[in-house]
Amino acid sequence: MAIEINIVDAIGSLYKGKYYSASSGTDSEGNAIPIIWKDGHTTTDEENTAINTELIRLKAEYDSNAYQRNRAAEYPEIVDQLDDIYHNGIEGWKSTIKIIKDKYPA
């Protein structure tokens, strides 16, 4: 399942606790869906700049952590890792884990 970082994530990151309604994307005519602030103000140019900057930052952060998600998906279940340690010792377990770490370097 692919996760996409979008404007809602950026707004939530910047304006925690501030009430707004937002959606990413466009309407049926291709127009950007506006942010609706509960206090009724219109999004300022400064807010738009901050939101776009935060969106870029969040996407870069997400992309830079791809190796962590890839590793987590391939690591054996913790029960299997503990069994590996029991049967093969810490060094045997490290060998199993190292294959995945090498496949997805940081």
C-alpha atoms as a PDB file:
ATOM      1  CA  MET A   1       0.000   0.000   0.000  1.00  0.00           C
ATOM      2  CA  ALA A   2       1.521   3.286  -1.077  1.00  0.00           C
ATOM      3  CA  ILE A   3       1.151   6.245   1.212  1.00  0.00           C
ATOM      4  CA  GLU A   4       1.100   9.696  -0.290  1.00  0.00           C
ATOM      5  CA  ILE A   5       2.053  12.758   1.706  1.00  0.00           C
ATOM      6  CA  ASN A   6      -0.407  15.519   0.837  1.00  0.00           C
ATOM      7  CA  ILE A   7      -1.525  19.015   1.751  1.00  0.00           C
ATOM      8  CA  VAL A   8      -3.645  17.725   4.636  1.00  0.00           C
ATOM      9  CA  ASP A   9      -0.501  16.273   6.227  1.00  0.00           C
ATOM     10  CA  ALA A  10       1.357  19.560   5.767  1.00  0.00           C
ATOM     11  CA  ILE A  11      -1.463  21.625   7.268  1.00  0.00           C
ATOM     12  CA  GLY A  12      -1.798  19.233  10.184  1.00  0.00           C
ATOM     13  CA  SER A  13       1.931  19.424  10.828  1.00  0.00           C
ATOM     14  CA  LEU A  14       1.982  23.217  10.795  1.00  0.00           C
ATOM     15  CA  TYR A  15      -1.319  24.015  12.462  1.00  0.00           C
ATOM     16  CA  LYS A  16      -1.785  21.374  15.152  1.00  0.00           C
ATOM     17  CA  GLY A  17      -4.946  22.103  17.085  1.00  0.00           C
ATOM     18  CA  LYS A  18      -6.157  24.813  14.713  1.00  0.00           C
ATOM     19  CA  TYR A  19      -9.515  24.004  13.219  1.00  0.00           C
ATOM     20  CA  TYR A  20      -9.641  23.669   9.464  1.00  0.00           C
ATOM     21  CA  SER A  21     -11.129  21.489   6.800  1.00  0.00           C
ATOM     22  CA  ALA A  22      -8.864  20.555   3.953  1.00  0.00           C
ATOM     23  CA  SER A  23      -8.647  18.083   1.156  1.00  0.00           C
ATOM     24  CA  SER A  24      -5.918  17.384  -1.324  1.00  0.00           C
ATOM     25  CA  GLY A  25      -6.495  17.379  -5.029  1.00  0.00           C
ATOM     26  CA  THR A  26      -8.855  19.173  -7.333  1.00  0.00           C
ATOM     27  CA  ASP A  27     -12.563  19.372  -7.966  1.00  0.00           C
ATOM     28  CA  SER A  28     -14.306  17.988 -11.062  1.00  0.00           C
ATOM     29  CA  GLU A  29     -13.284  21.072 -13.061  1.00  0.00           C
ATOM     30  CA  GLY A  30      -9.599  20.841 -12.123  1.00  0.00           C
ATOM     31  CA  ASN A  31      -9.680  23.680  -9.599  1.00  0.00           C
ATOM     32  CA  ALA A  32      -7.698  23.304  -6.386  1.00  0.00           C
ATOM     33  CA  ILE A  33      -9.898  22.500  -3.396  1.00  0.00           C
ATOM     34  CA  PRO A  34      -9.515  25.371  -0.930  1.00  0.00           C
ATOM     35  CA  ILE A  35      -8.656  25.133   2.724  1.00  0.00           C
ATOM     36  CA  ILE A  36     -11.655  26.112   4.814  1.00  0.00           C
ATOM     37  CA  TRP A  37     -10.600  27.616   8.130  1.00  0.00           C
ATOM     38  CA  LYS A  38     -13.109  27.315  10.957  1.00  0.00           C
ATOM     39  CA  ASP A  39     -12.420  30.907  11.998  1.00  0.00           C
ATOM     40  CA  GLY A  40     -13.470  31.993   8.499  1.00  0.00           C
ATOM     41  CA  HIS A  41     -10.232  33.583   7.330  1.00  0.00           C
ATOM     42  CA  THR A  42      -8.916  33.076   3.821  1.00  0.00           C
ATOM     43  CA  THR A  43      -5.573  31.369   3.440  1.00  0.00           C
ATOM     44  CA  THR A  44      -2.880  34.018   3.082  1.00  0.00           C
ATOM     45  CA  ASP A  45       0.016  33.924   0.639  1.00  0.00           C
ATOM     46  CA  GLU A  46       2.343  33.435   3.616  1.00  0.00           C
ATOM     47  CA  GLU A  47       0.297  30.444   4.802  1.00  0.00           C
ATOM     48  CA  ASN A  48       0.298  28.965   1.291  1.00  0.00           C
ATOM     49  CA  THR A  49       4.073  29.345   1.117  1.00  0.00           C
ATOM     50  CA  ALA A  50       4.506  27.773   4.548  1.00  0.00           C
ATOM     51  CA  ILE A  51       2.164  24.897   3.660  1.00  0.00           C
ATOM     52  CA  ASN A  52       3.975  24.213   0.360  1.00  0.00           C
ATOM     53  CA  THR A  53       7.357  24.358   2.096  1.00  0.00           C
ATOM     54  CA  GLU A  54       6.135  21.952   4.775  1.00  0.00           C
ATOM     55  CA  LEU A  55       4.720  19.629   2.125  1.00  0.00           C
ATOM     56  CA  ILE A  56       8.116  19.484   0.410  1.00  0.00           C
ATOM     57  CA  ARG A  57       9.838  18.866   3.761  1.00  0.00           C
ATOM     58  CA  LEU A  58       7.435  16.068   4.749  1.00  0.00           C
ATOM     59  CA  LYS A  59       7.781  14.361   1.353  1.00  0.00           C
ATOM     60  CA  ALA A  60      11.586  14.519   1.571  1.00  0.00           C
ATOM     61  CA  GLU A  61      11.507  13.130   5.119  1.00  0.00           C
ATOM     62  CA  TYR A  62       9.170  10.315   4.066  1.00  0.00           C
ATOM     63  CA  ASP A  63      11.305   9.457   1.039  1.00  0.00           C
ATOM     64  CA  SER A  64      14.524   9.505   3.059  1.00  0.00           C
ATOM     65  CA  ASN A  65      13.084   6.912   5.442  1.00  0.00           C
ATOM     66  CA  ALA A  66      12.105   4.399   2.753  1.00  0.00           C
ATOM     67  CA  TYR A  67      14.874   2.048   3.893  1.00  0.00           C
ATOM     68  CA  GLN A  68      13.247   1.826   7.350  1.00  0.00           C
ATOM     69  CA  ARG A  69       9.871   0.855   5.899  1.00  0.00           C
ATOM     70  CA  ASN A  70      11.480  -1.654   3.536  1.00  0.00           C
ATOM     71  CA  ARG A  71      13.462  -3.245   6.359  1.00  0.00           C
ATOM     72  CA  ALA A  72      10.455  -3.436   8.661  1.00  0.00           C
ATOM     73  CA  ALA A  73       8.456  -5.210   5.952  1.00  0.00           C
ATOM     74  CA  GLU A  74      11.141  -7.874   5.550  1.00  0.00           C
ATOM     75  CA  TYR A  75      12.266  -8.447   9.131  1.00  0.00           C
ATOM     76  CA  PRO A  76      11.012 -11.737  10.556  1.00  0.00           C
ATOM     77  CA  GLU A  77       8.307 -11.553  13.214  1.00  0.00           C
ATOM     78  CA  ILE A  78       9.764 -10.932  16.673  1.00  0.00           C
ATOM     79  CA  VAL A  79       8.806 -14.466  17.767  1.00  0.00           C
ATOM     80  CA  ASP A  80      10.840 -15.861  14.876  1.00  0.00           C
ATOM     81  CA  GLN A  81      13.748 -13.560  15.713  1.00  0.00           C
ATOM     82  CA  LEU A  82      13.743 -14.753  19.325  1.00  0.00           C
ATOM     83  CA  ASP A  83      13.649 -18.358  18.121  1.00  0.00           C
ATOM     84  CA  ASP A  84      16.596 -17.596  15.842  1.00  0.00           C
ATOM     85  CA  ILE A  85      18.541 -16.222  18.821  1.00  0.00           C
ATOM     86  CA  TYR A  86      17.685 -19.286  20.907  1.00  0.00           C
ATOM     87  CA  HIS A  87      18.778 -21.744  18.217  1.00  0.00           C
ATOM     88  CA  ASN A  88      21.623 -19.829  16.546  1.00  0.00           C
ATOM     89  CA  GLY A  89      22.760 -17.331  19.153  1.00  0.00           C
ATOM     90  CA  ILE A  90      23.099 -13.586  18.782  1.00  0.00           C
ATOM     91  CA  GLU A  91      25.677 -13.919  16.000  1.00  0.00           C
ATOM     92  CA  GLY A  92      23.332 -16.143  13.961  1.00  0.00           C
ATOM     93  CA  TRP A  93      20.509 -13.654  14.460  1.00  0.00           C
ATOM     94  CA  LYS A  94      22.799 -10.778  13.443  1.00  0.00           C
ATOM     95  CA  SER A  95      23.619 -12.634  10.224  1.00  0.00           C
ATOM     96  CA  THR A  96      19.914 -12.958   9.406  1.00  0.00           C
ATOM     97  CA  ILE A  97      19.246  -9.288  10.110  1.00  0.00           C
ATOM     98  CA  LYS A  98      22.395  -8.089   8.314  1.00  0.00           C
ATOM     99  CA  ILE A  99      21.150  -9.505   5.020  1.00  0.00           C
ATOM    100  CA  ILE A 100      18.114  -7.217   5.227  1.00  0.00           C
ATOM    101  CA  LYS A 101      20.124  -4.224   6.450  1.00  0.00           C
ATOM    102  CA  ASP A 102      22.558  -4.680   3.563  1.00  0.00           C
ATOM    103  CA  LYS A 103      19.667  -4.972   1.102  1.00  0.00           C
ATOM    104  CA  TYR A 104      18.273  -1.630   2.320  1.00  0.00           C
ATOM    105  CA  PRO A 105      21.180   0.536   3.494  1.00  0.00           C
ATOM    106  CA  ALA A 106      20.541   3.735   5.436  1.00  0.00           C
END
